[in-house]
Amino acid sequence: MSEDQETNNPAAGAPGASGASSGPPSSSPQPQAFNVQLPPINVEALAKTPWVLGAASILIGLVLYWAGSIVSAFEHDAGYDARERIVHILGAGNAAWAVAVLLAVALLVLGSTGEGKPAATTSFVYQMLMLAAALITVSSAINAVIELTRIGSSFDFALYSFLEYLAGVPIAGAAAFWAWRQHPVALPGQAKPS
């Protein structure tokens, strides 16, 4: 009977299988899973970390600007072709927003240099900045390619617009990489290293 009980409950005899880790914590931090769920906000803790508020306000501004870009893409003006609508939908894909997101990442990194494990709100802002920077990188590249399609009608304007949008790619890419290096996360579908 005791053999059956051990067979039905394999965790009973296994050391360290009780759910809590019995060994010493790993010396290298493991990446957290990517999570877009808003954590509980501690107002008192945020008051002591103005860099988190600054980075979060840049994110909020980006979301509001992007929402406005999407709304403006569906205006029914004459002569508004598909290219114009796509450029408007990807409106935040430019160098100005890339610099803003890079600044937000710098605020978090420099502000939380002496801290140990980041708070839940800080982790959330890091993840959202990484996502925003990645979206801006892709949007900037798409906008740059779209502007190249206008090269037949106006070479100078197409080249200028191409380079202007392309400028956002390395800046936003650096922001995404910096945010990921500072606060590594396992991306959706990526197995967490053991």
C-alpha atoms as a PDB file:
ATOM      1  CA  MET A   1       0.000   0.000   0.000  1.00  0.00           C
ATOM      2  CA  SER A   2       2.820   2.421   0.782  1.00  0.00           C
ATOM      3  CA  GLU A   3       4.336   1.666  -2.648  1.00  0.00           C
ATOM      4  CA  ASP A   4       1.030   2.662  -4.298  1.00  0.00           C
ATOM      5  CA  GLN A   5       0.913   5.884  -2.302  1.00  0.00           C
ATOM      6  CA  GLU A   6       4.431   6.783  -3.455  1.00  0.00           C
ATOM      7  CA  THR A   7       3.508   5.964  -7.077  1.00  0.00           C
ATOM      8  CA  ASN A   8       0.363   8.121  -6.943  1.00  0.00           C
ATOM      9  CA  ASN A   9       2.201  10.968  -5.244  1.00  0.00           C
ATOM     10  CA  PRO A  10       5.683  11.197  -6.798  1.00  0.00           C
ATOM     11  CA  ALA A  11       6.358  14.530  -5.106  1.00  0.00           C
ATOM     12  CA  ALA A  12       6.154  12.917  -1.675  1.00  0.00           C
ATOM     13  CA  GLY A  13       9.602  11.362  -1.855  1.00  0.00           C
ATOM     14  CA  ALA A  14      11.265  13.851  -4.192  1.00  0.00           C
ATOM     15  CA  PRO A  15      13.579  16.319  -2.477  1.00  0.00           C
ATOM     16  CA  GLY A  16      12.752  19.965  -3.145  1.00  0.00           C
ATOM     17  CA  ALA A  17       9.455  19.128  -4.890  1.00  0.00           C
ATOM     18  CA  SER A  18       7.258  20.855  -2.355  1.00  0.00           C
ATOM     19  CA  GLY A  19       6.844  23.966  -4.543  1.00  0.00           C
ATOM     20  CA  ALA A  20       9.256  26.153  -2.576  1.00  0.00           C
ATOM     21  CA  SER A  21      12.826  26.080  -3.703  1.00  0.00           C
ATOM     22  CA  SER A  22      15.005  24.570  -1.042  1.00  0.00           C
ATOM     23  CA  GLY A  23      18.349  25.388  -2.667  1.00  0.00           C
ATOM     24  CA  PRO A  24      20.192  28.699  -2.651  1.00  0.00           C
ATOM     25  CA  PRO A  25      18.919  31.319  -5.097  1.00  0.00           C
ATOM     26  CA  SER A  26      20.618  31.457  -8.462  1.00  0.00           C
ATOM     27  CA  SER A  27      23.369  34.043  -8.731  1.00  0.00           C
ATOM     28  CA  SER A  28      22.325  35.211 -12.204  1.00  0.00           C
ATOM     29  CA  PRO A  29      18.865  36.797 -12.483  1.00  0.00           C
ATOM     30  CA  GLN A  30      16.425  34.865 -14.622  1.00  0.00           C
ATOM     31  CA  PRO A  31      14.396  36.835 -17.192  1.00  0.00           C
ATOM     32  CA  GLN A  32      10.825  37.470 -16.140  1.00  0.00           C
ATOM     33  CA  ALA A  33       7.959  36.527 -18.424  1.00  0.00           C
ATOM     34  CA  PHE A  34       6.716  39.395 -20.597  1.00  0.00           C
ATOM     35  CA  ASN A  35       3.546  40.687 -18.921  1.00  0.00           C
ATOM     36  CA  VAL A  36       1.360  43.617 -19.973  1.00  0.00           C
ATOM     37  CA  GLN A  37      -0.934  43.475 -16.939  1.00  0.00           C
ATOM     38  CA  LEU A  38      -0.846  46.743 -14.974  1.00  0.00           C
ATOM     39  CA  PRO A  39       0.532  46.097 -11.465  1.00  0.00           C
ATOM     40  CA  PRO A  40      -0.962  47.692  -8.352  1.00  0.00           C
ATOM     41  CA  ILE A  41       0.291  51.264  -8.079  1.00  0.00           C
ATOM     42  CA  ASN A  42       1.819  52.424  -4.809  1.00  0.00           C
ATOM     43  CA  VAL A  43       1.486  56.226  -4.875  1.00  0.00           C
ATOM     44  CA  GLU A  44       3.870  56.755  -1.948  1.00  0.00           C
ATOM     45  CA  ALA A  45       6.594  54.690  -3.625  1.00  0.00           C
ATOM     46  CA  LEU A  46       6.082  56.560  -6.916  1.00  0.00           C
ATOM     47  CA  ALA A  47       6.466  59.891  -5.131  1.00  0.00           C
ATOM     48  CA  LYS A  48       9.968  58.776  -4.135  1.00  0.00           C
ATOM     49  CA  THR A  49      10.845  57.712  -7.700  1.00  0.00           C
ATOM     50  CA  PRO A  50      10.177  60.680 -10.021  1.00  0.00           C
ATOM     51  CA  TRP A  51      12.144  58.992 -12.832  1.00  0.00           C
ATOM     52  CA  VAL A  52       9.461  56.294 -13.026  1.00  0.00           C
ATOM     53  CA  LEU A  53       6.784  58.991 -13.277  1.00  0.00           C
ATOM     54  CA  GLY A  54       8.764  60.749 -16.016  1.00  0.00           C
ATOM     55  CA  ALA A  55       9.194  57.552 -18.029  1.00  0.00           C
ATOM     56  CA  ALA A  56       5.534  56.596 -17.517  1.00  0.00           C
ATOM     57  CA  SER A  57       4.359  60.056 -18.631  1.00  0.00           C
ATOM     58  CA  ILE A  58       6.368  59.713 -21.857  1.00  0.00           C
ATOM     59  CA  LEU A  59       4.668  56.351 -22.426  1.00  0.00           C
ATOM     60  CA  ILE A  60       1.214  57.838 -21.796  1.00  0.00           C
ATOM     61  CA  GLY A  61       1.984  60.690 -24.206  1.00  0.00           C
ATOM     62  CA  LEU A  62       3.075  58.160 -26.825  1.00  0.00           C
ATOM     63  CA  VAL A  63      -0.141  56.151 -26.444  1.00  0.00           C
ATOM     64  CA  LEU A  64      -2.294  59.290 -26.753  1.00  0.00           C
ATOM     65  CA  TYR A  65      -0.331  60.514 -29.792  1.00  0.00           C
ATOM     66  CA  TRP A  66      -0.568  57.117 -31.479  1.00  0.00           C
ATOM     67  CA  ALA A  67      -4.319  56.971 -30.818  1.00  0.00           C
ATOM     68  CA  GLY A  68      -4.675  60.387 -32.479  1.00  0.00           C
ATOM     69  CA  SER A  69      -2.605  59.186 -35.449  1.00  0.00           C
ATOM     70  CA  ILE A  70      -4.895  56.194 -35.911  1.00  0.00           C
ATOM     71  CA  VAL A  71      -7.999  58.395 -35.774  1.00  0.00           C
ATOM     72  CA  SER A  72      -6.510  60.822 -38.322  1.00  0.00           C
ATOM     73  CA  ALA A  73      -5.716  57.922 -40.660  1.00  0.00           C
ATOM     74  CA  PHE A  74      -9.427  57.309 -41.158  1.00  0.00           C
ATOM     75  CA  GLU A  75     -10.322  60.843 -42.236  1.00  0.00           C
ATOM     76  CA  HIS A  76     -12.120  60.992 -45.556  1.00  0.00           C
ATOM     77  CA  ASP A  77     -10.149  63.738 -47.279  1.00  0.00           C
ATOM     78  CA  ALA A  78      -9.899  63.747 -51.062  1.00  0.00           C
ATOM     79  CA  GLY A  79      -6.585  62.473 -52.355  1.00  0.00           C
ATOM     80  CA  TYR A  80      -5.811  60.513 -49.196  1.00  0.00           C
ATOM     81  CA  ASP A  81      -4.330  57.296 -50.584  1.00  0.00           C
ATOM     82  CA  ALA A  82      -3.436  54.049 -48.808  1.00  0.00           C
ATOM     83  CA  ARG A  83       0.176  55.131 -48.328  1.00  0.00           C
ATOM     84  CA  GLU A  84      -0.912  58.272 -46.483  1.00  0.00           C
ATOM     85  CA  ARG A  85      -3.221  56.247 -44.253  1.00  0.00           C
ATOM     86  CA  ILE A  86      -0.480  53.753 -43.351  1.00  0.00           C
ATOM     87  CA  VAL A  87       1.981  56.559 -42.578  1.00  0.00           C
ATOM     88  CA  HIS A  88      -0.655  58.145 -40.324  1.00  0.00           C
ATOM     89  CA  ILE A  89      -1.433  54.849 -38.555  1.00  0.00           C
ATOM     90  CA  LEU A  90       2.292  54.424 -37.914  1.00  0.00           C
ATOM     91  CA  GLY A  91       2.571  58.102 -36.988  1.00  0.00           C
ATOM     92  CA  ALA A  92       4.793  57.585 -33.942  1.00  0.00           C
ATOM     93  CA  GLY A  93       7.366  55.808 -36.097  1.00  0.00           C
ATOM     94  CA  ASN A  94       9.729  58.748 -36.343  1.00  0.00           C
ATOM     95  CA  ALA A  95      12.950  60.052 -34.828  1.00  0.00           C
ATOM     96  CA  ALA A  96      11.243  62.412 -32.379  1.00  0.00           C
ATOM     97  CA  TRP A  97       9.337  59.621 -30.613  1.00  0.00           C
ATOM     98  CA  ALA A  98      12.385  57.366 -30.799  1.00  0.00           C
ATOM     99  CA  VAL A  99      14.391  60.000 -28.892  1.00  0.00           C
ATOM    100  CA  ALA A 100      11.548  60.392 -26.367  1.00  0.00           C
ATOM    101  CA  VAL A 101      11.496  56.640 -25.664  1.00  0.00           C
ATOM    102  CA  LEU A 102      15.303  56.566 -25.404  1.00  0.00           C
ATOM    103  CA  LEU A 103      15.047  59.392 -22.852  1.00  0.00           C
ATOM    104  CA  ALA A 104      12.417  57.434 -20.904  1.00  0.00           C
ATOM    105  CA  VAL A 105      14.684  54.369 -20.783  1.00  0.00           C
ATOM    106  CA  ALA A 106      17.601  56.572 -19.668  1.00  0.00           C
ATOM    107  CA  LEU A 107      15.447  58.023 -16.878  1.00  0.00           C
ATOM    108  CA  LEU A 108      14.655  54.538 -15.581  1.00  0.00           C
ATOM    109  CA  VAL A 109      18.204  53.224 -15.901  1.00  0.00           C
ATOM    110  CA  LEU A 110      19.925  56.208 -14.325  1.00  0.00           C
ATOM    111  CA  GLY A 111      17.257  56.705 -11.660  1.00  0.00           C
ATOM    112  CA  SER A 112      17.248  53.116 -10.452  1.00  0.00           C
ATOM    113  CA  THR A 113      21.008  52.496 -10.581  1.00  0.00           C
ATOM    114  CA  GLY A 114      21.510  51.963  -6.833  1.00  0.00           C
ATOM    115  CA  GLU A 115      18.360  49.922  -6.279  1.00  0.00           C
ATOM    116  CA  GLY A 116      18.291  46.161  -5.949  1.00  0.00           C
ATOM    117  CA  LYS A 117      15.364  44.322  -7.505  1.00  0.00           C
ATOM    118  CA  PRO A 118      13.068  46.788  -9.323  1.00  0.00           C
ATOM    119  CA  ALA A 119       9.540  47.343  -8.037  1.00  0.00           C
ATOM    120  CA  ALA A 120       6.584  45.893  -9.945  1.00  0.00           C
ATOM    121  CA  THR A 121       5.716  49.300 -11.410  1.00  0.00           C
ATOM    122  CA  THR A 122       9.284  49.861 -12.598  1.00  0.00           C
ATOM    123  CA  SER A 123       9.345  46.399 -14.202  1.00  0.00           C
ATOM    124  CA  PHE A 124       6.046  47.141 -15.948  1.00  0.00           C
ATOM    125  CA  VAL A 125       7.340  50.485 -17.299  1.00  0.00           C
ATOM    126  CA  TYR A 126      10.539  48.779 -18.535  1.00  0.00           C
ATOM    127  CA  GLN A 127       8.465  46.191 -20.402  1.00  0.00           C
ATOM    128  CA  MET A 128       6.168  48.797 -21.934  1.00  0.00           C
ATOM    129  CA  LEU A 129       9.148  50.928 -23.004  1.00  0.00           C
ATOM    130  CA  MET A 130      10.769  47.910 -24.624  1.00  0.00           C
ATOM    131  CA  LEU A 131       7.521  47.175 -26.490  1.00  0.00           C
ATOM    132  CA  ALA A 132       7.058  50.831 -27.493  1.00  0.00           C
ATOM    133  CA  ALA A 133      10.648  51.103 -28.727  1.00  0.00           C
ATOM    134  CA  ALA A 134      10.278  47.913 -30.773  1.00  0.00           C
ATOM    135  CA  LEU A 135       7.026  49.209 -32.317  1.00  0.00           C
ATOM    136  CA  ILE A 136       8.628  52.560 -33.143  1.00  0.00           C
ATOM    137  CA  THR A 137      11.597  50.770 -34.754  1.00  0.00           C
ATOM    138  CA  VAL A 138       9.317  48.707 -36.994  1.00  0.00           C
ATOM    139  CA  SER A 139       7.020  51.665 -37.752  1.00  0.00           C
ATOM    140  CA  SER A 140       9.961  53.888 -38.688  1.00  0.00           C
ATOM    141  CA  ALA A 141      11.307  51.250 -41.070  1.00  0.00           C
ATOM    142  CA  ILE A 142       7.875  50.769 -42.706  1.00  0.00           C
ATOM    143  CA  ASN A 143       7.350  54.530 -43.063  1.00  0.00           C
ATOM    144  CA  ALA A 144      10.811  54.866 -44.627  1.00  0.00           C
ATOM    145  CA  VAL A 145      10.033  52.165 -47.199  1.00  0.00           C
ATOM    146  CA  ILE A 146       6.663  53.777 -47.993  1.00  0.00           C
ATOM    147  CA  GLU A 147       8.385  57.105 -48.629  1.00  0.00           C
ATOM    148  CA  LEU A 148      10.740  55.397 -51.096  1.00  0.00           C
ATOM    149  CA  THR A 149       7.700  54.443 -53.185  1.00  0.00           C
ATOM    150  CA  ARG A 150       7.159  58.156 -53.912  1.00  0.00           C
ATOM    151  CA  ILE A 151      10.555  58.477 -55.578  1.00  0.00           C
ATOM    152  CA  GLY A 152       8.981  58.615 -59.050  1.00  0.00           C
ATOM    153  CA  SER A 153       6.917  61.719 -58.326  1.00  0.00           C
ATOM    154  CA  SER A 154       9.456  63.727 -56.328  1.00  0.00           C
ATOM    155  CA  PHE A 155      12.967  62.360 -55.874  1.00  0.00           C
ATOM    156  CA  ASP A 156      14.120  65.045 -53.409  1.00  0.00           C
ATOM    157  CA  PHE A 157      11.052  64.821 -51.176  1.00  0.00           C
ATOM    158  CA  ALA A 158      11.053  61.005 -51.220  1.00  0.00           C
ATOM    159  CA  LEU A 159      14.743  60.852 -50.285  1.00  0.00           C
ATOM    160  CA  TYR A 160      14.322  63.440 -47.524  1.00  0.00           C
ATOM    161  CA  SER A 161      11.293  61.651 -46.051  1.00  0.00           C
ATOM    162  CA  PHE A 162      13.011  58.257 -46.338  1.00  0.00           C
ATOM    163  CA  LEU A 163      16.040  59.468 -44.390  1.00  0.00           C
ATOM    164  CA  GLU A 164      13.890  61.322 -41.860  1.00  0.00           C
ATOM    165  CA  TYR A 165      11.894  58.178 -40.992  1.00  0.00           C
ATOM    166  CA  LEU A 166      14.947  55.929 -41.195  1.00  0.00           C
ATOM    167  CA  ALA A 167      16.632  58.036 -38.493  1.00  0.00           C
ATOM    168  CA  GLY A 168      14.179  56.621 -35.950  1.00  0.00           C
ATOM    169  CA  VAL A 169      15.261  53.016 -36.533  1.00  0.00           C
ATOM    170  CA  PRO A 170      18.677  53.032 -34.798  1.00  0.00           C
ATOM    171  CA  ILE A 171      17.507  55.325 -31.987  1.00  0.00           C
ATOM    172  CA  ALA A 172      14.410  53.279 -31.116  1.00  0.00           C
ATOM    173  CA  GLY A 173      16.333  50.048 -31.669  1.00  0.00           C
ATOM    174  CA  ALA A 174      18.955  51.195 -29.163  1.00  0.00           C
ATOM    175  CA  ALA A 175      16.204  52.110 -26.684  1.00  0.00           C
ATOM    176  CA  ALA A 176      14.605  48.663 -27.018  1.00  0.00           C
ATOM    177  CA  PHE A 177      17.954  46.911 -26.608  1.00  0.00           C
ATOM    178  CA  TRP A 178      18.943  49.063 -23.627  1.00  0.00           C
ATOM    179  CA  ALA A 179      15.610  48.421 -21.894  1.00  0.00           C
ATOM    180  CA  TRP A 180      15.941  44.693 -22.535  1.00  0.00           C
ATOM    181  CA  ARG A 181      19.570  44.568 -21.330  1.00  0.00           C
ATOM    182  CA  GLN A 182      18.700  46.479 -18.167  1.00  0.00           C
ATOM    183  CA  HIS A 183      15.571  44.444 -17.441  1.00  0.00           C
ATOM    184  CA  PRO A 184      15.625  41.165 -19.429  1.00  0.00           C
ATOM    185  CA  VAL A 185      12.278  39.531 -20.121  1.00  0.00           C
ATOM    186  CA  ALA A 186      11.362  36.301 -21.854  1.00  0.00           C
ATOM    187  CA  LEU A 187       9.360  37.306 -24.904  1.00  0.00           C
ATOM    188  CA  PRO A 188       5.966  35.687 -25.593  1.00  0.00           C
ATOM    189  CA  GLY A 189       6.518  32.172 -26.922  1.00  0.00           C
ATOM    190  CA  GLN A 190      10.156  32.162 -25.792  1.00  0.00           C
ATOM    191  CA  ALA A 191      11.048  29.522 -23.229  1.00  0.00           C
ATOM    192  CA  LYS A 192      12.573  30.906 -20.055  1.00  0.00           C
ATOM    193  CA  PRO A 193      16.118  29.586 -19.568  1.00  0.00           C
ATOM    194  CA  SER A 194      16.452  27.019 -16.805  1.00  0.00           C
END
